[in-house]
Amino acid sequence: MQHILNIAFDFDDERIKKVVEGKIEEEIHETIEREILGHIAPYTDSRSLFRNWDMLLTRVEGEIKKVIWKNEDAIIENAAIRVADSIRRTKAWREKYKEVLDE
């Protein structure tokens, strides 16, 4: 004898979407953290890693300073270009520019 069962499921699409997005975000954060820590502290293991945050911060600060010192001229040049472009877009600059051209 055969019986037919009708079963209805009520899925909350918004809740499912939030759970999936949360899991994906968690996985992305873990992957990024693993990659960063792999480059910053390849010499540590996971047990000592969390006890050595001060050492890691010191090393990261040192690496950042090296990059800044190495690229100091390019950083200053790019900053100057951006500031000049920003000034050129102001109304006050256009007025002064027009005033100088009119003289």
Protein backbone atom coordinates (compact mmCIF):
# COMPACT_ATOMS: atom_id res chain seq x y z
CA MET A 1 0.00 0.00 0.00
CA GLN A 2 1.38 3.41 -0.94
CA HIS A 3 0.94 6.60 1.03
CA ILE A 4 1.63 10.08 -0.21
CA LEU A 5 2.91 12.55 2.31
CA ASN A 6 2.77 16.23 1.66
CA ILE A 7 5.41 18.03 3.66
CA ALA A 8 5.86 21.76 3.54
CA PHE A 9 8.99 23.54 4.67
CA ASP A 10 9.02 27.19 5.53
CA PHE A 11 12.50 28.55 4.89
CA ASP A 12 13.47 31.96 6.11
CA ASP A 13 15.49 33.14 3.11
CA GLU A 14 16.89 36.16 4.91
CA ARG A 15 18.14 34.06 7.84
CA ILE A 16 19.73 31.50 5.51
CA LYS A 17 21.40 34.31 3.57
CA LYS A 18 22.81 35.82 6.79
CA VAL A 19 24.13 32.45 8.01
CA VAL A 20 25.81 31.72 4.66
CA GLU A 21 27.30 35.22 4.46
CA GLY A 22 28.56 34.92 8.04
CA LYS A 23 30.26 31.59 7.34
CA ILE A 24 31.85 32.92 4.16
CA GLU A 25 33.06 36.05 5.95
CA GLU A 26 34.53 33.93 8.75
CA GLU A 27 36.34 31.72 6.25
CA ILE A 28 37.71 34.74 4.38
CA HIS A 29 38.96 36.33 7.62
CA GLU A 30 40.64 33.08 8.67
CA THR A 31 42.29 32.71 5.26
CA ILE A 32 43.54 36.30 5.26
CA GLU A 33 44.80 36.02 8.84
CA ARG A 34 46.59 32.75 8.03
CA GLU A 35 48.23 34.31 4.94
CA ILE A 36 49.31 37.44 6.79
CA LEU A 37 50.66 35.57 9.78
CA GLY A 38 52.43 33.17 7.42
CA HIS A 39 54.34 36.10 5.95
CA ILE A 40 54.86 38.01 9.18
CA ALA A 41 55.80 35.20 11.51
CA PRO A 42 56.75 32.06 9.59
CA TYR A 43 59.11 31.05 12.40
CA THR A 44 56.42 30.69 15.07
CA ASP A 45 53.98 27.90 15.74
CA SER A 46 50.31 28.42 16.57
CA ARG A 47 50.84 27.87 20.31
CA SER A 48 53.53 30.53 20.70
CA LEU A 49 52.03 32.90 18.15
CA PHE A 50 49.36 34.28 20.44
CA ARG A 51 51.82 34.72 23.29
CA ASN A 52 54.17 36.75 21.09
CA TRP A 53 51.92 39.59 19.91
CA ASP A 54 54.36 42.22 21.20
CA MET A 55 57.14 40.61 19.20
CA LEU A 56 54.90 40.47 16.12
CA LEU A 57 53.84 44.10 16.50
CA THR A 58 57.47 45.16 16.82
CA ARG A 59 58.35 43.20 13.70
CA VAL A 60 55.39 44.60 11.74
CA GLU A 61 56.29 48.15 12.75
CA GLY A 62 59.86 47.51 11.63
CA GLU A 63 58.71 46.17 8.26
CA ILE A 64 56.39 49.16 7.76
CA LYS A 65 59.21 51.59 8.57
CA LYS A 66 61.50 49.80 6.09
CA VAL A 67 58.88 50.09 3.34
CA ILE A 68 58.29 53.77 4.12
CA TRP A 69 62.02 54.59 4.20
CA LYS A 70 62.64 52.64 1.01
CA ASN A 71 59.82 54.42 -0.83
CA GLU A 72 60.01 57.80 0.90
CA ASP A 73 60.63 59.81 -2.28
CA ALA A 74 57.79 58.14 -4.20
CA ILE A 75 55.41 58.58 -1.27
CA ILE A 76 56.22 62.29 -0.97
CA GLU A 77 55.95 62.81 -4.73
CA ASN A 78 52.56 61.07 -4.92
CA ALA A 79 51.29 62.98 -1.89
CA ALA A 80 52.40 66.28 -3.44
CA ILE A 81 50.65 65.43 -6.71
CA ARG A 82 47.43 64.57 -4.87
CA VAL A 83 47.55 67.77 -2.82
CA ALA A 84 48.19 69.85 -5.94
CA ASP A 85 45.31 68.15 -7.78
CA SER A 86 43.06 68.74 -4.79
CA ILE A 87 43.98 72.43 -4.64
CA ARG A 88 43.42 72.85 -8.38
CA ARG A 89 39.82 71.68 -7.97
CA THR A 90 38.95 74.38 -5.44
CA LYS A 91 36.97 77.48 -6.30
CA ALA A 92 39.55 79.74 -4.59
CA TRP A 93 42.33 78.41 -6.81
CA ARG A 94 40.28 78.88 -9.98
CA GLU A 95 39.49 82.45 -8.95
CA LYS A 96 43.17 83.27 -8.26
CA TYR A 97 44.22 81.57 -11.51
CA LYS A 98 41.69 83.60 -13.49
CA GLU A 99 42.79 86.78 -11.66
CA VAL A 100 46.45 86.16 -12.58
CA LEU A 101 45.59 85.47 -16.21
CA ASP A 102 43.51 88.64 -16.43
CA GLU A 103 46.40 90.85 -15.25
